[in-house]
Amino acid sequence: MKKLSKKALNHSFLNWFYGHLTCFSQEHMQTFGYMCAMLPIIQELYDTNEEQTEKTLTYSTFFNTEPQVGSIVVGITAGMEEARANGEPVDDETINGIRAGLMGPLAGIGDSLVVGTLLPILLGIALGLSGGGSPLGAIFYILVWNIGMFLIMRFMYFKGYELGGKAVELLVGEKANA
């Protein structure tokens, strides 16, 4: 049985954290950043170049979501890729269906919480601390935003990996509606 190492998972997460907007364009948006995040996973799970190339192509379809909350999608697909490498019935269509199904709702949730709520609060505090030309506001904002987002994104990524395909039921199933 194949199990992803902590090193591969951390590498995948860091690729997403630092590169989710890699090669951003109107046509592809976050596709290549997402593909880059999946490379360490695919390289660890599949032995031959042919298998790795085939599995990498799964992640060449369009992808765009709110990057902080959307980290869970990358984690979910890492878990699904591990399940597929162990012979479970997970195919490209299943992975792409979950990606496509989650990216819209998670973008709405993330934009409301992160962009619409958290950012204005942090900026309001930072502006208050910047009175009289103090650099304290800028330092506060840079530190809180970067450390906070790193921790939130990491938590979401690893929670998604832990849940794998079961995350869909949790996020959009009966329990989510309740």
C-alpha atoms as a PDB file:
ATOM      1  CA  MET A   1       0.000   0.000   0.000  1.00  0.00           C
ATOM      2  CA  LYS A   2       1.319   3.410  -0.996  1.00  0.00           C
ATOM      3  CA  LYS A   3       1.238   6.196   1.576  1.00  0.00           C
ATOM      4  CA  LEU A   4       2.276   9.770   0.898  1.00  0.00           C
ATOM      5  CA  SER A   5       5.187  10.949   3.008  1.00  0.00           C
ATOM      6  CA  LYS A   6       4.984  14.076   5.137  1.00  0.00           C
ATOM      7  CA  LYS A   7       7.768  15.501   2.959  1.00  0.00           C
ATOM      8  CA  ALA A   8       5.737  15.120  -0.263  1.00  0.00           C
ATOM      9  CA  LEU A   9       2.634  16.571   1.381  1.00  0.00           C
ATOM     10  CA  ASN A  10       4.565  19.541   2.757  1.00  0.00           C
ATOM     11  CA  HIS A  11       6.227  20.113  -0.636  1.00  0.00           C
ATOM     12  CA  SER A  12       2.824  19.985  -2.320  1.00  0.00           C
ATOM     13  CA  PHE A  13       1.341  22.429   0.192  1.00  0.00           C
ATOM     14  CA  LEU A  14       4.247  24.861  -0.152  1.00  0.00           C
ATOM     15  CA  ASN A  15       3.962  24.700  -3.950  1.00  0.00           C
ATOM     16  CA  TRP A  16       0.304  25.714  -3.571  1.00  0.00           C
ATOM     17  CA  PHE A  17       0.990  28.372  -0.916  1.00  0.00           C
ATOM     18  CA  TYR A  18       3.720  30.087  -2.921  1.00  0.00           C
ATOM     19  CA  GLY A  19       2.565  29.278  -6.445  1.00  0.00           C
ATOM     20  CA  HIS A  20      -1.229  29.189  -6.614  1.00  0.00           C
ATOM     21  CA  LEU A  21      -1.129  32.107  -9.039  1.00  0.00           C
ATOM     22  CA  THR A  22       1.778  30.742 -11.083  1.00  0.00           C
ATOM     23  CA  CYS A  23       1.358  31.531 -14.796  1.00  0.00           C
ATOM     24  CA  PHE A  24      -2.001  33.140 -14.050  1.00  0.00           C
ATOM     25  CA  SER A  25      -3.949  34.013 -17.190  1.00  0.00           C
ATOM     26  CA  GLN A  26      -7.590  34.576 -18.092  1.00  0.00           C
ATOM     27  CA  GLU A  27      -7.630  31.230 -19.888  1.00  0.00           C
ATOM     28  CA  HIS A  28      -6.056  29.070 -17.168  1.00  0.00           C
ATOM     29  CA  MET A  29      -6.230  31.120 -13.948  1.00  0.00           C
ATOM     30  CA  GLN A  30      -4.859  28.829 -11.163  1.00  0.00           C
ATOM     31  CA  THR A  31      -4.527  25.667 -13.279  1.00  0.00           C
ATOM     32  CA  PHE A  32      -0.732  25.643 -13.427  1.00  0.00           C
ATOM     33  CA  GLY A  33      -0.276  26.541  -9.764  1.00  0.00           C
ATOM     34  CA  TYR A  34      -2.601  23.653  -8.914  1.00  0.00           C
ATOM     35  CA  MET A  35      -0.730  21.322 -11.250  1.00  0.00           C
ATOM     36  CA  CYS A  36       2.564  22.391  -9.678  1.00  0.00           C
ATOM     37  CA  ALA A  37       1.151  21.587  -6.227  1.00  0.00           C
ATOM     38  CA  MET A  38       0.228  18.079  -7.391  1.00  0.00           C
ATOM     39  CA  LEU A  39       3.659  17.262  -8.880  1.00  0.00           C
ATOM     40  CA  PRO A  40       5.295  16.062  -5.624  1.00  0.00           C
ATOM     41  CA  ILE A  41       2.258  13.841  -4.979  1.00  0.00           C
ATOM     42  CA  ILE A  42       2.352  12.280  -8.435  1.00  0.00           C
ATOM     43  CA  GLN A  43       6.128  11.846  -8.378  1.00  0.00           C
ATOM     44  CA  GLU A  44       5.961   9.955  -5.100  1.00  0.00           C
ATOM     45  CA  LEU A  45       3.007   7.733  -5.970  1.00  0.00           C
ATOM     46  CA  TYR A  46       3.879   6.697  -9.539  1.00  0.00           C
ATOM     47  CA  ASP A  47       7.131   5.137 -10.664  1.00  0.00           C
ATOM     48  CA  THR A  48       7.342   5.523 -14.439  1.00  0.00           C
ATOM     49  CA  ASN A  49       7.500   8.723 -16.462  1.00  0.00           C
ATOM     50  CA  GLU A  50       4.525   7.511 -18.508  1.00  0.00           C
ATOM     51  CA  GLU A  51       2.346   7.097 -15.399  1.00  0.00           C
ATOM     52  CA  GLN A  52       3.471  10.433 -14.005  1.00  0.00           C
ATOM     53  CA  THR A  53       2.753  12.218 -17.286  1.00  0.00           C
ATOM     54  CA  GLU A  54      -0.683  10.605 -17.561  1.00  0.00           C
ATOM     55  CA  LYS A  55      -1.645  11.520 -13.997  1.00  0.00           C
ATOM     56  CA  THR A  56      -0.280  15.064 -14.318  1.00  0.00           C
ATOM     57  CA  LEU A  57      -2.592  15.673 -17.285  1.00  0.00           C
ATOM     58  CA  THR A  58      -5.534  15.171 -14.892  1.00  0.00           C
ATOM     59  CA  TYR A  59      -4.655  18.553 -13.416  1.00  0.00           C
ATOM     60  CA  SER A  60      -4.433  20.448 -16.714  1.00  0.00           C
ATOM     61  CA  THR A  61      -8.135  21.353 -16.770  1.00  0.00           C
ATOM     62  CA  PHE A  62      -9.306  24.801 -15.733  1.00  0.00           C
ATOM     63  CA  PHE A  63      -9.161  25.613 -12.028  1.00  0.00           C
ATOM     64  CA  ASN A  64      -9.949  28.808 -10.122  1.00  0.00           C
ATOM     65  CA  THR A  65     -11.083  29.369  -6.551  1.00  0.00           C
ATOM     66  CA  GLU A  66     -10.320  31.559  -3.557  1.00  0.00           C
ATOM     67  CA  PRO A  67      -6.772  30.393  -2.750  1.00  0.00           C
ATOM     68  CA  GLN A  68      -6.903  30.319   1.047  1.00  0.00           C
ATOM     69  CA  VAL A  69     -10.115  28.344   1.499  1.00  0.00           C
ATOM     70  CA  GLY A  70      -9.472  26.523  -1.793  1.00  0.00           C
ATOM     71  CA  SER A  71      -6.443  24.842  -0.226  1.00  0.00           C
ATOM     72  CA  ILE A  72      -8.825  22.143   0.921  1.00  0.00           C
ATOM     73  CA  VAL A  73      -9.444  21.133  -2.723  1.00  0.00           C
ATOM     74  CA  VAL A  74      -5.735  20.539  -3.275  1.00  0.00           C
ATOM     75  CA  GLY A  75      -5.609  18.432  -0.106  1.00  0.00           C
ATOM     76  CA  ILE A  76      -8.698  16.450  -1.098  1.00  0.00           C
ATOM     77  CA  THR A  77      -7.257  15.608  -4.487  1.00  0.00           C
ATOM     78  CA  ALA A  78      -3.939  14.611  -2.899  1.00  0.00           C
ATOM     79  CA  GLY A  79      -5.886  12.127  -0.787  1.00  0.00           C
ATOM     80  CA  MET A  80      -7.824  10.941  -3.827  1.00  0.00           C
ATOM     81  CA  GLU A  81      -4.610  10.524  -5.816  1.00  0.00           C
ATOM     82  CA  GLU A  82      -3.217   8.371  -3.016  1.00  0.00           C
ATOM     83  CA  ALA A  83      -6.398   6.269  -3.068  1.00  0.00           C
ATOM     84  CA  ARG A  84      -6.138   5.908  -6.861  1.00  0.00           C
ATOM     85  CA  ALA A  85      -2.514   4.786  -6.607  1.00  0.00           C
ATOM     86  CA  ASN A  86      -3.683   2.078  -4.189  1.00  0.00           C
ATOM     87  CA  GLY A  87      -6.217   0.713  -6.664  1.00  0.00           C
ATOM     88  CA  GLU A  88      -9.397   2.400  -5.455  1.00  0.00           C
ATOM     89  CA  PRO A  89     -11.921   3.302  -8.196  1.00  0.00           C
ATOM     90  CA  VAL A  90     -10.904   6.948  -8.588  1.00  0.00           C
ATOM     91  CA  ASP A  91     -10.484   8.164 -12.148  1.00  0.00           C
ATOM     92  CA  ASP A  92      -9.726  11.504 -13.819  1.00  0.00           C
ATOM     93  CA  GLU A  93     -13.431  12.242 -14.197  1.00  0.00           C
ATOM     94  CA  THR A  94     -14.043  11.778 -10.470  1.00  0.00           C
ATOM     95  CA  ILE A  95     -11.135  14.036  -9.506  1.00  0.00           C
ATOM     96  CA  ASN A  96     -12.092  16.723 -12.022  1.00  0.00           C
ATOM     97  CA  GLY A  97     -15.747  16.505 -10.997  1.00  0.00           C
ATOM     98  CA  ILE A  98     -14.865  17.134  -7.367  1.00  0.00           C
ATOM     99  CA  ARG A  99     -12.527  19.977  -8.297  1.00  0.00           C
ATOM    100  CA  ALA A 100     -15.135  21.616 -10.517  1.00  0.00           C
ATOM    101  CA  GLY A 101     -17.908  21.050  -7.991  1.00  0.00           C
ATOM    102  CA  LEU A 102     -16.021  22.553  -5.066  1.00  0.00           C
ATOM    103  CA  MET A 103     -14.139  25.436  -6.647  1.00  0.00           C
ATOM    104  CA  GLY A 104     -17.217  27.649  -7.101  1.00  0.00           C
ATOM    105  CA  PRO A 105     -18.839  27.245  -3.673  1.00  0.00           C
ATOM    106  CA  LEU A 106     -15.488  27.507  -1.892  1.00  0.00           C
ATOM    107  CA  ALA A 107     -14.655  30.654  -3.870  1.00  0.00           C
ATOM    108  CA  GLY A 108     -17.910  32.211  -2.651  1.00  0.00           C
ATOM    109  CA  ILE A 109     -17.243  31.226   0.952  1.00  0.00           C
ATOM    110  CA  GLY A 110     -13.605  32.326   0.797  1.00  0.00           C
ATOM    111  CA  ASP A 111     -14.335  35.641  -0.894  1.00  0.00           C
ATOM    112  CA  SER A 112     -16.973  36.443   1.720  1.00  0.00           C
ATOM    113  CA  LEU A 113     -14.868  35.450   4.716  1.00  0.00           C
ATOM    114  CA  VAL A 114     -11.345  36.363   3.643  1.00  0.00           C
ATOM    115  CA  VAL A 115     -11.712  39.212   1.162  1.00  0.00           C
ATOM    116  CA  GLY A 116     -14.983  40.659   2.428  1.00  0.00           C
ATOM    117  CA  THR A 117     -14.469  40.296   6.179  1.00  0.00           C
ATOM    118  CA  LEU A 118     -10.946  39.443   7.330  1.00  0.00           C
ATOM    119  CA  LEU A 119      -9.010  41.788   5.037  1.00  0.00           C
ATOM    120  CA  PRO A 120     -11.039  44.914   5.924  1.00  0.00           C
ATOM    121  CA  ILE A 121     -10.701  44.140   9.645  1.00  0.00           C
ATOM    122  CA  LEU A 122      -6.929  43.649   9.401  1.00  0.00           C
ATOM    123  CA  LEU A 123      -6.528  46.756   7.264  1.00  0.00           C
ATOM    124  CA  GLY A 124      -8.645  48.792   9.685  1.00  0.00           C
ATOM    125  CA  ILE A 125      -6.441  47.744  12.585  1.00  0.00           C
ATOM    126  CA  ALA A 126      -3.295  48.382  10.521  1.00  0.00           C
ATOM    127  CA  LEU A 127      -4.477  51.861   9.551  1.00  0.00           C
ATOM    128  CA  GLY A 128      -5.210  52.635  13.191  1.00  0.00           C
ATOM    129  CA  LEU A 129      -1.699  51.554  14.148  1.00  0.00           C
ATOM    130  CA  SER A 130      -0.200  53.682  11.355  1.00  0.00           C
ATOM    131  CA  GLY A 131      -1.316  56.977  12.847  1.00  0.00           C
ATOM    132  CA  GLY A 132       1.316  59.687  12.694  1.00  0.00           C
ATOM    133  CA  GLY A 133       3.374  57.801  10.104  1.00  0.00           C
ATOM    134  CA  SER A 134       4.188  54.837  12.333  1.00  0.00           C
ATOM    135  CA  PRO A 135       5.420  51.740  10.461  1.00  0.00           C
ATOM    136  CA  LEU A 136       3.744  49.557  13.114  1.00  0.00           C
ATOM    137  CA  GLY A 137       0.550  49.207  11.047  1.00  0.00           C
ATOM    138  CA  ALA A 138       2.371  47.892   7.990  1.00  0.00           C
ATOM    139  CA  ILE A 139       4.441  45.501  10.096  1.00  0.00           C
ATOM    140  CA  PHE A 140       1.307  44.278  11.897  1.00  0.00           C
ATOM    141  CA  TYR A 141      -0.563  43.688   8.642  1.00  0.00           C
ATOM    142  CA  ILE A 142       2.321  41.895   6.901  1.00  0.00           C
ATOM    143  CA  LEU A 143       2.983  39.594   9.862  1.00  0.00           C
ATOM    144  CA  VAL A 144      -0.631  38.803  10.766  1.00  0.00           C
ATOM    145  CA  TRP A 145      -1.720  38.277   7.153  1.00  0.00           C
ATOM    146  CA  ASN A 146       1.189  36.040   6.141  1.00  0.00           C
ATOM    147  CA  ILE A 147       1.385  33.958   9.310  1.00  0.00           C
ATOM    148  CA  GLY A 148      -2.390  33.711   9.606  1.00  0.00           C
ATOM    149  CA  MET A 149      -2.929  32.691   5.994  1.00  0.00           C
ATOM    150  CA  PHE A 150      -0.076  30.184   6.106  1.00  0.00           C
ATOM    151  CA  LEU A 151      -1.599  28.486   9.142  1.00  0.00           C
ATOM    152  CA  ILE A 152      -5.165  28.562   7.787  1.00  0.00           C
ATOM    153  CA  MET A 153      -4.127  27.270   4.360  1.00  0.00           C
ATOM    154  CA  ARG A 154      -1.981  24.531   5.902  1.00  0.00           C
ATOM    155  CA  PHE A 155      -4.836  23.427   8.144  1.00  0.00           C
ATOM    156  CA  MET A 156      -7.267  23.371   5.198  1.00  0.00           C
ATOM    157  CA  TYR A 157      -4.835  21.460   2.976  1.00  0.00           C
ATOM    158  CA  PHE A 158      -4.108  18.745   5.526  1.00  0.00           C
ATOM    159  CA  LYS A 159      -7.776  18.480   6.578  1.00  0.00           C
ATOM    160  CA  GLY A 160      -8.642  17.961   2.906  1.00  0.00           C
ATOM    161  CA  TYR A 161      -5.959  15.290   2.564  1.00  0.00           C
ATOM    162  CA  GLU A 162      -7.186  13.543   5.702  1.00  0.00           C
ATOM    163  CA  LEU A 163     -10.772  13.514   4.452  1.00  0.00           C
ATOM    164  CA  GLY A 164     -10.013  12.679   0.801  1.00  0.00           C
ATOM    165  CA  GLY A 165     -13.185  11.898  -1.119  1.00  0.00           C
ATOM    166  CA  LYS A 166     -15.241  11.943   2.102  1.00  0.00           C
ATOM    167  CA  ALA A 167     -14.760  15.723   2.246  1.00  0.00           C
ATOM    168  CA  VAL A 168     -17.333  16.258  -0.471  1.00  0.00           C
ATOM    169  CA  GLU A 169     -20.075  14.769   1.689  1.00  0.00           C
ATOM    170  CA  LEU A 170     -18.920  16.895   4.613  1.00  0.00           C
ATOM    171  CA  LEU A 171     -18.810  20.132   2.597  1.00  0.00           C
ATOM    172  CA  VAL A 172     -21.941  19.824   0.467  1.00  0.00           C
ATOM    173  CA  GLY A 173     -23.836  16.858   1.892  1.00  0.00           C
ATOM    174  CA  GLU A 174     -26.678  16.554   4.366  1.00  0.00           C
ATOM    175  CA  LYS A 175     -24.534  17.586   7.354  1.00  0.00           C
ATOM    176  CA  ALA A 176     -23.414  20.772   5.589  1.00  0.00           C
ATOM    177  CA  ASN A 177     -27.024  21.765   4.937  1.00  0.00           C
ATOM    178  CA  ALA A 178     -27.863  21.267   8.617  1.00  0.00           C
END
